[in-house]
Amino acid sequence: MTRPQPDEYSPFFARYVDLAPEDDLLSAMQVQAPITEREILTFAERPDYRYAPGKWSVKQVVGHMADTERLFGFRALWFARADPAPLPGMEQDDWMTASDFDLLRLEDLLTNFRAARTSNVLMLRQLTPDAWARRGVANGNPFSVRALAHALLGHERAHLQILSERYAR
């Protein structure tokens, strides 16, 4: 699969697409899985930690990663199936307010993320080359399926960077 071009995603998503430079994206997702699990489990002793008042806890970050995994995967499937209807955006802070991630165990949140990723990889593996190139609109912005797939991996890596830089001791 070739890398998405800038006209295949919103400029806001460039940071995620840039964090997933691999051409063999599905293999990269599989290689990333144990790295992500290992990094998240370093916070097992302090899953409720927030690096500043009003910031998300570690558990909330992992819950957000799972929500976004599902959302981007849904968008990719929607566009791959050539549905012309535009999709709405999502306001992550509103979603967080409506979540109960802090009531859950970190390990369960990680299992949830892993399940969402596994489901997305299985779905993406079954797409034809034509489906990978299909486009749609989400939150008023154009996206291709391949751009969303790159954003899946890049979003994961972006949050691992945040955890490493802001949450690590």
C-alpha atoms as a PDB file:
ATOM      1  CA  MET A   1       0.000   0.000   0.000  1.00  0.00           C
ATOM      2  CA  THR A   2       1.273   3.445  -0.806  1.00  0.00           C
ATOM      3  CA  ARG A   3       1.295   6.233   1.731  1.00  0.00           C
ATOM      4  CA  PRO A   4      -1.605   8.651   1.727  1.00  0.00           C
ATOM      5  CA  GLN A   5      -1.129  12.029   0.105  1.00  0.00           C
ATOM      6  CA  PRO A   6      -1.940  15.259   2.003  1.00  0.00           C
ATOM      7  CA  ASP A   7      -5.223  15.684   0.123  1.00  0.00           C
ATOM      8  CA  GLU A   8      -6.447  12.392   1.644  1.00  0.00           C
ATOM      9  CA  TYR A   9      -6.802  13.695   5.202  1.00  0.00           C
ATOM     10  CA  SER A  10      -7.390  16.804   7.252  1.00  0.00           C
ATOM     11  CA  PRO A  11      -4.253  18.839   8.087  1.00  0.00           C
ATOM     12  CA  PHE A  12      -4.992  18.126  11.765  1.00  0.00           C
ATOM     13  CA  PHE A  13      -4.383  14.429  11.060  1.00  0.00           C
ATOM     14  CA  ALA A  14      -0.970  14.997   9.473  1.00  0.00           C
ATOM     15  CA  ARG A  15       0.657  14.490  12.868  1.00  0.00           C
ATOM     16  CA  TYR A  16      -0.855  11.007  13.106  1.00  0.00           C
ATOM     17  CA  VAL A  17      -0.149  10.020   9.502  1.00  0.00           C
ATOM     18  CA  ASP A  18       3.455  11.219   9.901  1.00  0.00           C
ATOM     19  CA  LEU A  19       3.909   8.924  12.916  1.00  0.00           C
ATOM     20  CA  ALA A  20       3.083   5.909  10.728  1.00  0.00           C
ATOM     21  CA  PRO A  21       5.614   6.083   7.874  1.00  0.00           C
ATOM     22  CA  GLU A  22       5.580   2.351   7.102  1.00  0.00           C
ATOM     23  CA  ASP A  23       4.345   1.076   3.756  1.00  0.00           C
ATOM     24  CA  ASP A  24       3.449  -2.302   5.283  1.00  0.00           C
ATOM     25  CA  LEU A  25       1.005  -0.792   7.712  1.00  0.00           C
ATOM     26  CA  LEU A  26      -0.672  -3.997   8.879  1.00  0.00           C
ATOM     27  CA  SER A  27       2.655  -5.546   9.863  1.00  0.00           C
ATOM     28  CA  ALA A  28       3.584  -2.324  11.636  1.00  0.00           C
ATOM     29  CA  MET A  29       0.341  -2.505  13.633  1.00  0.00           C
ATOM     30  CA  GLN A  30       1.205  -6.034  14.728  1.00  0.00           C
ATOM     31  CA  VAL A  31       4.769  -5.052  15.691  1.00  0.00           C
ATOM     32  CA  GLN A  32       3.408  -2.075  17.643  1.00  0.00           C
ATOM     33  CA  ALA A  33       1.016  -4.176  19.761  1.00  0.00           C
ATOM     34  CA  PRO A  34       3.518  -5.572  22.302  1.00  0.00           C
ATOM     35  CA  ILE A  35       5.286  -2.208  22.483  1.00  0.00           C
ATOM     36  CA  THR A  36       2.040  -0.472  23.375  1.00  0.00           C
ATOM     37  CA  GLU A  37       1.107  -3.104  25.935  1.00  0.00           C
ATOM     38  CA  ARG A  38       4.520  -2.936  27.590  1.00  0.00           C
ATOM     39  CA  GLU A  39       4.455   0.874  27.737  1.00  0.00           C
ATOM     40  CA  ILE A  40       0.958   1.063  29.183  1.00  0.00           C
ATOM     41  CA  LEU A  41       1.675  -1.580  31.796  1.00  0.00           C
ATOM     42  CA  THR A  42       4.548   0.540  33.143  1.00  0.00           C
ATOM     43  CA  PHE A  43       1.732   2.616  34.669  1.00  0.00           C
ATOM     44  CA  ALA A  44       0.073  -0.362  36.401  1.00  0.00           C
ATOM     45  CA  GLU A  45       1.109   0.944  39.827  1.00  0.00           C
ATOM     46  CA  ARG A  46      -0.416   4.386  39.207  1.00  0.00           C
ATOM     47  CA  PRO A  47      -3.171   4.125  36.589  1.00  0.00           C
ATOM     48  CA  ASP A  48      -5.064   7.109  38.026  1.00  0.00           C
ATOM     49  CA  TYR A  49      -2.075   9.444  37.706  1.00  0.00           C
ATOM     50  CA  ARG A  50      -2.613  12.814  35.998  1.00  0.00           C
ATOM     51  CA  TYR A  51       0.403  14.948  35.156  1.00  0.00           C
ATOM     52  CA  ALA A  52      -1.512  18.153  35.925  1.00  0.00           C
ATOM     53  CA  PRO A  53      -4.915  19.159  37.339  1.00  0.00           C
ATOM     54  CA  GLY A  54      -7.677  18.791  34.763  1.00  0.00           C
ATOM     55  CA  LYS A  55      -5.638  16.440  32.562  1.00  0.00           C
ATOM     56  CA  TRP A  56      -6.703  12.900  31.764  1.00  0.00           C
ATOM     57  CA  SER A  57      -5.619   9.993  33.929  1.00  0.00           C
ATOM     58  CA  VAL A  58      -3.557   7.178  32.449  1.00  0.00           C
ATOM     59  CA  LYS A  59      -6.720   5.048  32.390  1.00  0.00           C
ATOM     60  CA  GLN A  60      -8.573   7.789  30.540  1.00  0.00           C
ATOM     61  CA  VAL A  61      -5.805   8.006  27.937  1.00  0.00           C
ATOM     62  CA  VAL A  62      -6.054   4.264  27.300  1.00  0.00           C
ATOM     63  CA  GLY A  63      -9.854   4.448  27.150  1.00  0.00           C
ATOM     64  CA  HIS A  64      -9.591   7.324  24.678  1.00  0.00           C
ATOM     65  CA  MET A  65      -7.186   5.270  22.571  1.00  0.00           C
ATOM     66  CA  ALA A  66      -9.763   2.450  22.387  1.00  0.00           C
ATOM     67  CA  ASP A  67     -12.617   4.833  21.553  1.00  0.00           C
ATOM     68  CA  THR A  68     -10.578   6.443  18.796  1.00  0.00           C
ATOM     69  CA  GLU A  69      -9.474   3.057  17.475  1.00  0.00           C
ATOM     70  CA  ARG A  70     -13.121   2.098  17.070  1.00  0.00           C
ATOM     71  CA  LEU A  71     -14.100   5.454  15.582  1.00  0.00           C
ATOM     72  CA  PHE A  72     -11.313   5.542  12.984  1.00  0.00           C
ATOM     73  CA  GLY A  73     -11.975   1.889  12.157  1.00  0.00           C
ATOM     74  CA  PHE A  74     -15.677   2.598  11.661  1.00  0.00           C
ATOM     75  CA  ARG A  75     -14.867   5.521   9.399  1.00  0.00           C
ATOM     76  CA  ALA A  76     -12.476   3.354   7.371  1.00  0.00           C
ATOM     77  CA  LEU A  77     -15.123   0.652   6.954  1.00  0.00           C
ATOM     78  CA  TRP A  78     -17.806   3.214   6.048  1.00  0.00           C
ATOM     79  CA  PHE A  79     -15.641   4.736   3.342  1.00  0.00           C
ATOM     80  CA  ALA A  80     -14.350   1.347   2.125  1.00  0.00           C
ATOM     81  CA  ARG A  81     -17.956   0.339   1.499  1.00  0.00           C
ATOM     82  CA  ALA A  82     -18.411   3.480  -0.625  1.00  0.00           C
ATOM     83  CA  ASP A  83     -21.203   4.933   1.476  1.00  0.00           C
ATOM     84  CA  PRO A  84     -21.534   8.559   0.325  1.00  0.00           C
ATOM     85  CA  ALA A  85     -23.064   9.891   3.557  1.00  0.00           C
ATOM     86  CA  PRO A  86     -20.726  12.189   5.498  1.00  0.00           C
ATOM     87  CA  LEU A  87     -19.870  11.221   9.060  1.00  0.00           C
ATOM     88  CA  PRO A  88     -19.920  13.544  12.074  1.00  0.00           C
ATOM     89  CA  GLY A  89     -16.889  14.562  14.070  1.00  0.00           C
ATOM     90  CA  MET A  90     -16.198  13.750  17.681  1.00  0.00           C
ATOM     91  CA  GLU A  91     -15.273  16.052  20.508  1.00  0.00           C
ATOM     92  CA  GLN A  92     -12.867  14.048  22.624  1.00  0.00           C
ATOM     93  CA  ASP A  93     -13.439  16.024  25.830  1.00  0.00           C
ATOM     94  CA  ASP A  94     -17.200  15.533  25.589  1.00  0.00           C
ATOM     95  CA  TRP A  95     -16.661  11.822  25.055  1.00  0.00           C
ATOM     96  CA  MET A  96     -14.366  11.738  28.065  1.00  0.00           C
ATOM     97  CA  THR A  97     -16.968  13.448  30.237  1.00  0.00           C
ATOM     98  CA  ALA A  98     -19.459  10.752  29.255  1.00  0.00           C
ATOM     99  CA  SER A  99     -17.035   7.880  29.927  1.00  0.00           C
ATOM    100  CA  ASP A 100     -16.365   5.921  33.098  1.00  0.00           C
ATOM    101  CA  PHE A 101     -12.786   4.909  32.334  1.00  0.00           C
ATOM    102  CA  ASP A 102     -11.548   5.775  35.822  1.00  0.00           C
ATOM    103  CA  LEU A 103     -13.894   3.136  37.263  1.00  0.00           C
ATOM    104  CA  LEU A 104     -12.276   0.393  35.188  1.00  0.00           C
ATOM    105  CA  ARG A 105      -9.062  -1.522  35.670  1.00  0.00           C
ATOM    106  CA  LEU A 106      -6.106  -0.499  33.488  1.00  0.00           C
ATOM    107  CA  GLU A 107      -5.685  -4.089  32.325  1.00  0.00           C
ATOM    108  CA  ASP A 108      -9.317  -4.217  31.159  1.00  0.00           C
ATOM    109  CA  LEU A 109      -8.934  -0.946  29.273  1.00  0.00           C
ATOM    110  CA  LEU A 110      -5.825  -2.317  27.586  1.00  0.00           C
ATOM    111  CA  THR A 111      -7.709  -5.493  26.644  1.00  0.00           C
ATOM    112  CA  ASN A 112     -10.443  -3.311  25.163  1.00  0.00           C
ATOM    113  CA  PHE A 113      -7.921  -1.393  23.061  1.00  0.00           C
ATOM    114  CA  ARG A 114      -6.259  -4.624  21.930  1.00  0.00           C
ATOM    115  CA  ALA A 115      -9.646  -6.067  20.868  1.00  0.00           C
ATOM    116  CA  ALA A 116     -10.497  -2.950  18.866  1.00  0.00           C
ATOM    117  CA  ARG A 117      -7.091  -3.029  17.150  1.00  0.00           C
ATOM    118  CA  THR A 118      -7.386  -6.729  16.342  1.00  0.00           C
ATOM    119  CA  SER A 119     -10.812  -6.158  14.830  1.00  0.00           C
ATOM    120  CA  ASN A 120      -9.520  -3.278  12.708  1.00  0.00           C
ATOM    121  CA  VAL A 121      -6.519  -5.232  11.442  1.00  0.00           C
ATOM    122  CA  LEU A 122      -8.784  -8.122  10.437  1.00  0.00           C
ATOM    123  CA  MET A 123     -11.125  -5.729   8.626  1.00  0.00           C
ATOM    124  CA  LEU A 124      -8.290  -3.883   6.872  1.00  0.00           C
ATOM    125  CA  ARG A 125      -6.682  -7.149   5.723  1.00  0.00           C
ATOM    126  CA  GLN A 126      -9.826  -8.011   3.779  1.00  0.00           C
ATOM    127  CA  LEU A 127      -9.964  -4.788   1.775  1.00  0.00           C
ATOM    128  CA  THR A 128      -9.265  -4.711  -1.924  1.00  0.00           C
ATOM    129  CA  PRO A 129      -6.836  -2.146  -3.383  1.00  0.00           C
ATOM    130  CA  ASP A 130      -9.844  -0.174  -4.646  1.00  0.00           C
ATOM    131  CA  ALA A 131     -11.346  -0.063  -1.159  1.00  0.00           C
ATOM    132  CA  TRP A 132      -8.079   1.243   0.345  1.00  0.00           C
ATOM    133  CA  ALA A 133      -8.236   4.196  -2.055  1.00  0.00           C
ATOM    134  CA  ARG A 134     -11.883   5.074  -1.442  1.00  0.00           C
ATOM    135  CA  ARG A 135     -12.692   8.366   0.204  1.00  0.00           C
ATOM    136  CA  GLY A 136     -15.365   9.935   2.309  1.00  0.00           C
ATOM    137  CA  VAL A 137     -16.013  12.908   4.536  1.00  0.00           C
ATOM    138  CA  ALA A 138     -15.841  12.971   8.329  1.00  0.00           C
ATOM    139  CA  ASN A 139     -16.166  16.086  10.439  1.00  0.00           C
ATOM    140  CA  GLY A 140     -16.346  18.102   7.229  1.00  0.00           C
ATOM    141  CA  ASN A 141     -12.951  16.835   6.030  1.00  0.00           C
ATOM    142  CA  PRO A 142     -11.987  14.401   3.274  1.00  0.00           C
ATOM    143  CA  PHE A 143     -10.327  11.113   4.232  1.00  0.00           C
ATOM    144  CA  SER A 144      -9.189   8.053   2.355  1.00  0.00           C
ATOM    145  CA  VAL A 145      -9.322   4.617   3.890  1.00  0.00           C
ATOM    146  CA  ARG A 146      -5.531   4.350   3.759  1.00  0.00           C
ATOM    147  CA  ALA A 147      -5.155   7.717   5.511  1.00  0.00           C
ATOM    148  CA  LEU A 148      -7.452   6.543   8.299  1.00  0.00           C
ATOM    149  CA  ALA A 149      -5.456   3.333   8.626  1.00  0.00           C
ATOM    150  CA  HIS A 150      -2.244   5.327   8.992  1.00  0.00           C
ATOM    151  CA  ALA A 151      -3.985   7.588  11.499  1.00  0.00           C
ATOM    152  CA  LEU A 152      -4.926   4.518  13.557  1.00  0.00           C
ATOM    153  CA  LEU A 153      -1.289   3.617  14.102  1.00  0.00           C
ATOM    154  CA  GLY A 154      -0.133   7.217  14.380  1.00  0.00           C
ATOM    155  CA  HIS A 155      -2.745   8.056  17.019  1.00  0.00           C
ATOM    156  CA  GLU A 156      -1.573   5.105  19.104  1.00  0.00           C
ATOM    157  CA  ARG A 157       2.041   6.229  18.820  1.00  0.00           C
ATOM    158  CA  ALA A 158       1.146   9.856  19.582  1.00  0.00           C
ATOM    159  CA  HIS A 159      -0.461   8.863  22.865  1.00  0.00           C
ATOM    160  CA  LEU A 160       2.440   6.615  23.783  1.00  0.00           C
ATOM    161  CA  GLN A 161       4.704   9.636  23.280  1.00  0.00           C
ATOM    162  CA  ILE A 162       2.476  11.741  25.522  1.00  0.00           C
ATOM    163  CA  LEU A 163       2.485   9.056  28.193  1.00  0.00           C
ATOM    164  CA  SER A 164       6.265   8.815  27.986  1.00  0.00           C
ATOM    165  CA  GLU A 165       6.899  12.555  28.024  1.00  0.00           C
ATOM    166  CA  ARG A 166       4.260  13.783  30.459  1.00  0.00           C
ATOM    167  CA  TYR A 167       3.273  10.830  32.649  1.00  0.00           C
ATOM    168  CA  ALA A 168       6.576   9.047  33.226  1.00  0.00           C
ATOM    169  CA  ARG A 169       8.316   9.588  36.519  1.00  0.00           C
END
